[in-house]
Amino acid sequence: MTPEICPNCDAEVPPGARACPECGADEDTGWSQGAYCDRLGIPDPDEEFDREEFVKNEFGPAEKPSRIKVIWIITALVLAGLLLLMAF
């Protein structure tokens, strides 16, 4: 399968091209089925997968709830409880 970007020189490769128009790399000299998948950022199955690092890279560091959020949540629960008491 022809990669969209040449793994050797990072040039764009037209769909269906048999070789890179910039450096001449092809199936025999440099790209392969694996070269197409290398650009996707999929971890190598032979490497140990670090879930914590993956989550950190994808979503950023874990956000701790601020005190203001906690105060608003408690206020909302208290008000909901008061409304329920007044309904009975």
PDB file of N, CA and C in Angstrom:
ATOM      1  N   MET A   1       0.853  -1.176   0.000  1.00  0.00           N
ATOM      2  CA  MET A   1       0.000   0.000   0.000  1.00  0.00           C
ATOM      3  C   MET A   1       0.894   1.232   0.000  1.00  0.00           C
ATOM      4  N   THR A   2       0.549   2.204  -0.793  1.00  0.00           N
ATOM      5  CA  THR A   2       1.320   3.441  -0.891  1.00  0.00           C
ATOM      6  C   THR A   2       1.010   4.351   0.288  1.00  0.00           C
ATOM      7  N   PRO A   3       2.041   4.812   1.012  1.00  0.00           N
ATOM      8  CA  PRO A   3       1.780   5.734   2.121  1.00  0.00           C
ATOM      9  C   PRO A   3       1.442   7.128   1.596  1.00  0.00           C
ATOM     10  N   GLU A   4       0.731   7.912   2.395  1.00  0.00           N
ATOM     11  CA  GLU A   4       0.403   9.282   1.998  1.00  0.00           C
ATOM     12  C   GLU A   4       1.626  10.190   2.079  1.00  0.00           C
ATOM     13  N   ILE A   5       2.492   9.919   3.049  1.00  0.00           N
ATOM     14  CA  ILE A   5       3.716  10.680   3.267  1.00  0.00           C
ATOM     15  C   ILE A   5       4.882   9.695   3.206  1.00  0.00           C
ATOM     16  N   CYS A   6       5.918  10.047   2.454  1.00  0.00           N
ATOM     17  CA  CYS A   6       7.085   9.175   2.343  1.00  0.00           C
ATOM     18  C   CYS A   6       7.771   9.049   3.700  1.00  0.00           C
ATOM     19  N   PRO A   7       8.003   7.826   4.199  1.00  0.00           N
ATOM     20  CA  PRO A   7       8.663   7.651   5.484  1.00  0.00           C
ATOM     21  C   PRO A   7      10.135   8.039   5.449  1.00  0.00           C
ATOM     22  N   ASN A   8      10.708   8.200   4.260  1.00  0.00           N
ATOM     23  CA  ASN A   8      12.122   8.558   4.157  1.00  0.00           C
ATOM     24  C   ASN A   8      12.360  10.059   4.121  1.00  0.00           C
ATOM     25  N   CYS A   9      11.551  10.801   3.327  1.00  0.00           N
ATOM     26  CA  CYS A   9      11.832  12.229   3.147  1.00  0.00           C
ATOM     27  C   CYS A   9      10.658  13.128   3.536  1.00  0.00           C
ATOM     28  N   ASP A  10       9.564  12.574   3.992  1.00  0.00           N
ATOM     29  CA  ASP A  10       8.369  13.313   4.412  1.00  0.00           C
ATOM     30  C   ASP A  10       7.684  14.084   3.287  1.00  0.00           C
ATOM     31  N   ALA A  11       7.922  13.704   2.049  1.00  0.00           N
ATOM     32  CA  ALA A  11       7.239  14.340   0.917  1.00  0.00           C
ATOM     33  C   ALA A  11       5.873  13.682   0.727  1.00  0.00           C
ATOM     34  N   GLU A  12       4.928  14.427   0.166  1.00  0.00           N
ATOM     35  CA  GLU A  12       3.610  13.849  -0.134  1.00  0.00           C
ATOM     36  C   GLU A  12       3.743  12.893  -1.310  1.00  0.00           C
ATOM     37  N   VAL A  13       3.114  11.743  -1.176  1.00  0.00           N
ATOM     38  CA  VAL A  13       3.138  10.735  -2.226  1.00  0.00           C
ATOM     39  C   VAL A  13       1.733  10.633  -2.807  1.00  0.00           C
ATOM     40  N   PRO A  14       1.571  10.819  -4.126  1.00  0.00           N
ATOM     41  CA  PRO A  14       0.239  10.723  -4.733  1.00  0.00           C
ATOM     42  C   PRO A  14      -0.345   9.323  -4.550  1.00  0.00           C
ATOM     43  N   PRO A  15      -1.673   9.231  -4.408  1.00  0.00           N
ATOM     44  CA  PRO A  15      -2.297   7.910  -4.264  1.00  0.00           C
ATOM     45  C   PRO A  15      -1.974   7.016  -5.453  1.00  0.00           C
ATOM     46  N   GLY A  16      -1.616   5.786  -5.171  1.00  0.00           N
ATOM     47  CA  GLY A  16      -1.328   4.819  -6.221  1.00  0.00           C
ATOM     48  C   GLY A  16       0.063   4.937  -6.821  1.00  0.00           C
ATOM     49  N   ALA A  17       0.892   5.853  -6.344  1.00  0.00           N
ATOM     50  CA  ALA A  17       2.247   6.006  -6.878  1.00  0.00           C
ATOM     51  C   ALA A  17       3.069   4.778  -6.527  1.00  0.00           C
ATOM     52  N   ARG A  18       3.968   4.425  -7.410  1.00  0.00           N
ATOM     53  CA  ARG A  18       4.817   3.259  -7.171  1.00  0.00           C
ATOM     54  C   ARG A  18       6.105   3.636  -6.461  1.00  0.00           C
ATOM     55  N   ALA A  19       6.418   4.942  -6.428  1.00  0.00           N
ATOM     56  CA  ALA A  19       7.632   5.411  -5.761  1.00  0.00           C
ATOM     57  C   ALA A  19       7.417   6.851  -5.333  1.00  0.00           C
ATOM     58  N   CYS A  20       8.225   7.310  -4.387  1.00  0.00           N
ATOM     59  CA  CYS A  20       8.160   8.697  -3.926  1.00  0.00           C
ATOM     60  C   CYS A  20       8.676   9.620  -5.028  1.00  0.00           C
ATOM     61  N   PRO A  21       7.949  10.684  -5.372  1.00  0.00           N
ATOM     62  CA  PRO A  21       8.421  11.577  -6.425  1.00  0.00           C
ATOM     63  C   PRO A  21       9.656  12.391  -6.022  1.00  0.00           C
ATOM     64  N   GLU A  22       9.940  12.500  -4.733  1.00  0.00           N
ATOM     65  CA  GLU A  22      11.093  13.292  -4.279  1.00  0.00           C
ATOM     66  C   GLU A  22      12.360  12.464  -4.158  1.00  0.00           C
ATOM     67  N   CYS A  23      12.304  11.361  -3.406  1.00  0.00           N
ATOM     68  CA  CYS A  23      13.536  10.609  -3.137  1.00  0.00           C
ATOM     69  C   CYS A  23      13.602   9.274  -3.859  1.00  0.00           C
ATOM     70  N   GLY A  24      12.494   8.827  -4.439  1.00  0.00           N
ATOM     71  CA  GLY A  24      12.500   7.580  -5.190  1.00  0.00           C
ATOM     72  C   GLY A  24      12.294   6.328  -4.353  1.00  0.00           C
ATOM     73  N   ALA A  25      12.025   6.493  -3.063  1.00  0.00           N
ATOM     74  CA  ALA A  25      11.791   5.315  -2.220  1.00  0.00           C
ATOM     75  C   ALA A  25      10.559   4.569  -2.709  1.00  0.00           C
ATOM     76  N   ASP A  26      10.620   3.259  -2.640  1.00  0.00           N
ATOM     77  CA  ASP A  26       9.468   2.444  -3.028  1.00  0.00           C
ATOM     78  C   ASP A  26       9.388   1.224  -2.127  1.00  0.00           C
ATOM     79  N   GLU A  27       8.525   0.295  -2.471  1.00  0.00           N
ATOM     80  CA  GLU A  27       8.313  -0.911  -1.669  1.00  0.00           C
ATOM     81  C   GLU A  27       9.620  -1.663  -1.451  1.00  0.00           C
ATOM     82  N   ASP A  28      10.457  -1.726  -2.480  1.00  0.00           N
ATOM     83  CA  ASP A  28      11.701  -2.498  -2.385  1.00  0.00           C
ATOM     84  C   ASP A  28      12.802  -1.759  -1.631  1.00  0.00           C
ATOM     85  N   THR A  29      12.808  -0.428  -1.691  1.00  0.00           N
ATOM     86  CA  THR A  29      13.939   0.314  -1.118  1.00  0.00           C
ATOM     87  C   THR A  29      13.636   1.046   0.172  1.00  0.00           C
ATOM     88  N   GLY A  30      12.406   1.043   0.630  1.00  0.00           N
ATOM     89  CA  GLY A  30      12.238   1.796   1.853  1.00  0.00           C
ATOM     90  C   GLY A  30      10.870   1.831   2.479  1.00  0.00           C
ATOM     91  N   TRP A  31       9.806   1.741   1.737  1.00  0.00           N
ATOM     92  CA  TRP A  31       8.546   1.734   2.455  1.00  0.00           C
ATOM     93  C   TRP A  31       7.880   0.384   2.301  1.00  0.00           C
ATOM     94  N   SER A  32       7.075   0.092   3.238  1.00  0.00           N
ATOM     95  CA  SER A  32       6.408  -1.202   3.263  1.00  0.00           C
ATOM     96  C   SER A  32       5.032  -1.011   3.884  1.00  0.00           C
ATOM     97  N   GLN A  33       4.318  -2.084   4.113  1.00  0.00           N
ATOM     98  CA  GLN A  33       3.013  -1.985   4.764  1.00  0.00           C
ATOM     99  C   GLN A  33       3.175  -1.348   6.140  1.00  0.00           C
ATOM    100  N   GLY A  34       4.281  -1.649   6.823  1.00  0.00           N
ATOM    101  CA  GLY A  34       4.544  -1.070   8.129  1.00  0.00           C
ATOM    102  C   GLY A  34       4.776   0.422   8.073  1.00  0.00           C
ATOM    103  N   ALA A  35       5.341   0.935   6.983  1.00  0.00           N
ATOM    104  CA  ALA A  35       5.602   2.365   6.864  1.00  0.00           C
ATOM    105  C   ALA A  35       4.303   3.159   6.855  1.00  0.00           C
ATOM    106  N   TYR A  36       3.277   2.609   6.255  1.00  0.00           N
ATOM    107  CA  TYR A  36       1.979   3.287   6.235  1.00  0.00           C
ATOM    108  C   TYR A  36       1.432   3.416   7.655  1.00  0.00           C
ATOM    109  N   CYS A  37       1.585   2.382   8.450  1.00  0.00           N
ATOM    110  CA  CYS A  37       1.042   2.371   9.809  1.00  0.00           C
ATOM    111  C   CYS A  37       1.902   3.151  10.794  1.00  0.00           C
ATOM    112  N   ASP A  38       3.178   3.346  10.485  1.00  0.00           N
ATOM    113  CA  ASP A  38       4.061   4.070  11.404  1.00  0.00           C
ATOM    114  C   ASP A  38       3.582   5.490  11.647  1.00  0.00           C
ATOM    115  N   ARG A  39       2.989   6.130  10.667  1.00  0.00           N
ATOM    116  CA  ARG A  39       2.532   7.510  10.780  1.00  0.00           C
ATOM    117  C   ARG A  39       1.295   7.647  11.663  1.00  0.00           C
ATOM    118  N   LEU A  40       0.606   6.547  11.950  1.00  0.00           N
ATOM    119  CA  LEU A  40      -0.644   6.606  12.705  1.00  0.00           C
ATOM    120  C   LEU A  40      -0.425   6.729  14.207  1.00  0.00           C
ATOM    121  N   GLY A  41       0.781   6.489  14.680  1.00  0.00           N
ATOM    122  CA  GLY A  41       1.063   6.592  16.104  1.00  0.00           C
ATOM    123  C   GLY A  41       0.554   5.403  16.906  1.00  0.00           C
ATOM    124  N   ILE A  42       0.321   4.294  16.240  1.00  0.00           N
ATOM    125  CA  ILE A  42      -0.138   3.091  16.917  1.00  0.00           C
ATOM    126  C   ILE A  42       1.068   2.421  17.562  1.00  0.00           C
ATOM    127  N   PRO A  43       0.985   2.054  18.837  1.00  0.00           N
ATOM    128  CA  PRO A  43       2.135   1.441  19.484  1.00  0.00           C
ATOM    129  C   PRO A  43       2.504   0.106  18.849  1.00  0.00           C
ATOM    130  N   ASP A  44       3.781  -0.176  18.826  1.00  0.00           N
ATOM    131  CA  ASP A  44       4.288  -1.439  18.304  1.00  0.00           C
ATOM    132  C   ASP A  44       3.843  -2.563  19.240  1.00  0.00           C
ATOM    133  N   PRO A  45       3.297  -3.653  18.711  1.00  0.00           N
ATOM    134  CA  PRO A  45       2.822  -4.726  19.589  1.00  0.00           C
ATOM    135  C   PRO A  45       3.952  -5.379  20.391  1.00  0.00           C
ATOM    136  N   ASP A  46       5.200  -5.230  19.935  1.00  0.00           N
ATOM    137  CA  ASP A  46       6.316  -5.824  20.657  1.00  0.00           C
ATOM    138  C   ASP A  46       6.758  -4.963  21.845  1.00  0.00           C
ATOM    139  N   GLU A  47       6.380  -3.667  21.833  1.00  0.00           N
ATOM    140  CA  GLU A  47       6.738  -2.785  22.934  1.00  0.00           C
ATOM    141  C   GLU A  47       5.747  -2.942  24.082  1.00  0.00           C
ATOM    142  N   GLU A  48       6.221  -2.665  25.291  1.00  0.00           N
ATOM    143  CA  GLU A  48       5.333  -2.702  26.446  1.00  0.00           C
ATOM    144  C   GLU A  48       4.454  -1.457  26.422  1.00  0.00           C
ATOM    145  N   PHE A  49       3.153  -1.624  26.573  1.00  0.00           N
ATOM    146  CA  PHE A  49       2.213  -0.514  26.500  1.00  0.00           C
ATOM    147  C   PHE A  49       2.074   0.136  27.870  1.00  0.00           C
ATOM    148  N   ASP A  50       2.326   1.442  27.932  1.00  0.00           N
ATOM    149  CA  ASP A  50       2.198   2.192  29.176  1.00  0.00           C
ATOM    150  C   ASP A  50       0.899   2.992  29.121  1.00  0.00           C
ATOM    151  N   ARG A  51      -0.135   2.486  29.771  1.00  0.00           N
ATOM    152  CA  ARG A  51      -1.452   3.118  29.716  1.00  0.00           C
ATOM    153  C   ARG A  51      -1.429   4.522  30.305  1.00  0.00           C
ATOM    154  N   GLU A  52      -0.731   4.699  31.415  1.00  0.00           N
ATOM    155  CA  GLU A  52      -0.670   6.015  32.067  1.00  0.00           C
ATOM    156  C   GLU A  52      -0.075   7.061  31.133  1.00  0.00           C
ATOM    157  N   GLU A  53       1.006   6.713  30.438  1.00  0.00           N
ATOM    158  CA  GLU A  53       1.633   7.651  29.508  1.00  0.00           C
ATOM    159  C   GLU A  53       0.700   7.942  28.334  1.00  0.00           C
ATOM    160  N   PHE A  54       0.003   6.910  27.836  1.00  0.00           N
ATOM    161  CA  PHE A  54      -0.932   7.092  26.732  1.00  0.00           C
ATOM    162  C   PHE A  54      -2.046   8.065  27.106  1.00  0.00           C
ATOM    163  N   VAL A  55      -2.651   7.871  28.285  1.00  0.00           N
ATOM    164  CA  VAL A  55      -3.742   8.741  28.734  1.00  0.00           C
ATOM    165  C   VAL A  55      -3.234  10.166  28.914  1.00  0.00           C
ATOM    166  N   LYS A  56      -2.047  10.319  29.469  1.00  0.00           N
ATOM    167  CA  LYS A  56      -1.468  11.648  29.671  1.00  0.00           C
ATOM    168  C   LYS A  56      -1.212  12.349  28.334  1.00  0.00           C
ATOM    169  N   ASN A  57      -0.704  11.607  27.339  1.00  0.00           N
ATOM    170  CA  ASN A  57      -0.449  12.189  26.019  1.00  0.00           C
ATOM    171  C   ASN A  57      -1.738  12.546  25.291  1.00  0.00           C
ATOM    172  N   GLU A  58      -2.755  11.722  25.431  1.00  0.00           N
ATOM    173  CA  GLU A  58      -4.003  11.946  24.711  1.00  0.00           C
ATOM    174  C   GLU A  58      -4.878  13.025  25.350  1.00  0.00           C
ATOM    175  N   PHE A  59      -4.970  13.018  26.672  1.00  0.00           N
ATOM    176  CA  PHE A  59      -5.926  13.876  27.354  1.00  0.00           C
ATOM    177  C   PHE A  59      -5.297  14.946  28.228  1.00  0.00           C
ATOM    178  N   GLY A  60      -3.986  14.945  28.369  1.00  0.00           N
ATOM    179  CA  GLY A  60      -3.326  15.916  29.228  1.00  0.00           C
ATOM    180  C   GLY A  60      -3.364  15.452  30.673  1.00  0.00           C
ATOM    181  N   PRO A  61      -2.763  16.237  31.551  1.00  0.00           N
ATOM    182  CA  PRO A  61      -2.748  15.824  32.959  1.00  0.00           C
ATOM    183  C   PRO A  61      -4.153  15.836  33.555  1.00  0.00           C
ATOM    184  N   ALA A  62      -4.346  14.976  34.540  1.00  0.00           N
ATOM    185  CA  ALA A  62      -5.653  14.889  35.195  1.00  0.00           C
ATOM    186  C   ALA A  62      -5.962  16.211  35.895  1.00  0.00           C
ATOM    187  N   GLU A  63      -7.175  16.674  35.704  1.00  0.00           N
ATOM    188  CA  GLU A  63      -7.586  17.943  36.298  1.00  0.00           C
ATOM    189  C   GLU A  63      -8.291  17.672  37.619  1.00  0.00           C
ATOM    190  N   LYS A  64      -7.776  18.263  38.670  1.00  0.00           N
ATOM    191  CA  LYS A  64      -8.400  18.108  39.975  1.00  0.00           C
ATOM    192  C   LYS A  64      -9.528  19.121  40.101  1.00  0.00           C
ATOM    193  N   PRO A  65     -10.657  18.716  40.693  1.00  0.00           N
ATOM    194  CA  PRO A  65     -11.754  19.672  40.838  1.00  0.00           C
ATOM    195  C   PRO A  65     -11.341  20.816  41.762  1.00  0.00           C
ATOM    196  N   SER A  66     -11.676  22.020  41.344  1.00  0.00           N
ATOM    197  CA  SER A  66     -11.331  23.178  42.166  1.00  0.00           C
ATOM    198  C   SER A  66     -12.317  23.295  43.326  1.00  0.00           C
ATOM    199  N   ARG A  67     -11.942  24.096  44.322  1.00  0.00           N
ATOM    200  CA  ARG A  67     -12.819  24.283  45.481  1.00  0.00           C
ATOM    201  C   ARG A  67     -14.136  24.918  45.070  1.00  0.00           C
ATOM    202  N   ILE A  68     -14.089  25.796  44.075  1.00  0.00           N
ATOM    203  CA  ILE A  68     -15.320  26.471  43.638  1.00  0.00           C
ATOM    204  C   ILE A  68     -16.301  25.444  43.071  1.00  0.00           C
ATOM    205  N   LYS A  69     -15.801  24.487  42.281  1.00  0.00           N
ATOM    206  CA  LYS A  69     -16.679  23.450  41.732  1.00  0.00           C
ATOM    207  C   LYS A  69     -17.316  22.643  42.852  1.00  0.00           C
ATOM    208  N   VAL A  70     -16.516  22.283  43.832  1.00  0.00           N
ATOM    209  CA  VAL A  70     -17.027  21.484  44.954  1.00  0.00           C
ATOM    210  C   VAL A  70     -18.092  22.272  45.714  1.00  0.00           C
ATOM    211  N   ILE A  71     -17.852  23.552  45.938  1.00  0.00           N
ATOM    212  CA  ILE A  71     -18.832  24.393  46.650  1.00  0.00           C
ATOM    213  C   ILE A  71     -20.141  24.468  45.866  1.00  0.00           C
ATOM    214  N   TRP A  72     -20.068  24.628  44.551  1.00  0.00           N
ATOM    215  CA  TRP A  72     -21.289  24.700  43.741  1.00  0.00           C
ATOM    216  C   TRP A  72     -22.047  23.379  43.759  1.00  0.00           C
ATOM    217  N   ILE A  73     -21.325  22.284  43.745  1.00  0.00           N
ATOM    218  CA  ILE A  73     -21.989  20.967  43.790  1.00  0.00           C
ATOM    219  C   ILE A  73     -22.708  20.783  45.126  1.00  0.00           C
ATOM    220  N   ILE A  74     -22.051  21.131  46.214  1.00  0.00           N
ATOM    221  CA  ILE A  74     -22.672  21.015  47.537  1.00  0.00           C
ATOM    222  C   ILE A  74     -23.890  21.933  47.626  1.00  0.00           C
ATOM    223  N   THR A  75     -23.769  23.169  47.116  1.00  0.00           N
ATOM    224  CA  THR A  75     -24.893  24.109  47.130  1.00  0.00           C
ATOM    225  C   THR A  75     -26.077  23.552  46.347  1.00  0.00           C
ATOM    226  N   ALA A  76     -25.809  22.977  45.189  1.00  0.00           N
ATOM    227  CA  ALA A  76     -26.884  22.412  44.367  1.00  0.00           C
ATOM    228  C   ALA A  76     -27.568  21.253  45.083  1.00  0.00           C
ATOM    229  N   LEU A  77     -26.793  20.409  45.747  1.00  0.00           N
ATOM    230  CA  LEU A  77     -27.388  19.288  46.471  1.00  0.00           C
ATOM    231  C   LEU A  77     -28.238  19.764  47.649  1.00  0.00           C
ATOM    232  N   VAL A  78     -27.758  20.776  48.371  1.00  0.00           N
ATOM    233  CA  VAL A  78     -28.522  21.319  49.497  1.00  0.00           C
ATOM    234  C   VAL A  78     -29.827  21.929  49.002  1.00  0.00           C
ATOM    235  N   LEU A  79     -29.775  22.700  47.930  1.00  0.00           N
ATOM    236  CA  LEU A  79     -30.993  23.309  47.389  1.00  0.00           C
ATOM    237  C   LEU A  79     -31.975  22.249  46.885  1.00  0.00           C
ATOM    238  N   ALA A  80     -31.462  21.207  46.235  1.00  0.00           N
ATOM    239  CA  ALA A  80     -32.343  20.131  45.767  1.00  0.00           C
ATOM    240  C   ALA A  80     -33.011  19.440  46.968  1.00  0.00           C
ATOM    241  N   GLY A  81     -32.236  19.233  48.033  1.00  0.00           N
ATOM    242  CA  GLY A  81     -32.796  18.619  49.228  1.00  0.00           C
ATOM    243  C   GLY A  81     -33.877  19.498  49.861  1.00  0.00           C
ATOM    244  N   LEU A  82     -33.656  20.818  49.918  1.00  0.00           N
ATOM    245  CA  LEU A  82     -34.651  21.726  50.468  1.00  0.00           C
ATOM    246  C   LEU A  82     -35.920  21.736  49.635  1.00  0.00           C
ATOM    247  N   LEU A  83     -35.774  21.707  48.324  1.00  0.00           N
ATOM    248  CA  LEU A  83     -36.960  21.666  47.453  1.00  0.00           C
ATOM    249  C   LEU A  83     -37.762  20.380  47.675  1.00  0.00           C
ATOM    250  N   LEU A  84     -37.066  19.272  47.870  1.00  0.00           N
ATOM    251  CA  LEU A  84     -37.768  18.020  48.127  1.00  0.00           C
ATOM    252  C   LEU A  84     -38.495  18.068  49.470  1.00  0.00           C
ATOM    253  N   LEU A  85     -37.880  18.664  50.483  1.00  0.00           N
ATOM    254  CA  LEU A  85     -38.519  18.776  51.794  1.00  0.00           C
ATOM    255  C   LEU A  85     -39.745  19.677  51.710  1.00  0.00           C
ATOM    256  N   MET A  86     -39.663  20.749  50.951  1.00  0.00           N
ATOM    257  CA  MET A  86     -40.807  21.678  50.829  1.00  0.00           C
ATOM    258  C   MET A  86     -41.944  21.059  50.031  1.00  0.00           C
ATOM    259  N   ALA A  87     -41.645  20.106  49.134  1.00  0.00           N
ATOM    260  CA  ALA A  87     -42.668  19.477  48.334  1.00  0.00           C
ATOM    261  C   ALA A  87     -43.528  18.535  49.172  1.00  0.00           C
ATOM    262  N   PHE A  88     -43.012  18.018  50.258  1.00  0.00           N
ATOM    263  CA  PHE A  88     -43.773  17.091  51.100  1.00  0.00           C
ATOM    264  C   PHE A  88     -44.351  17.855  52.205  1.00  0.00           C
TER     265      PHE A  88
END
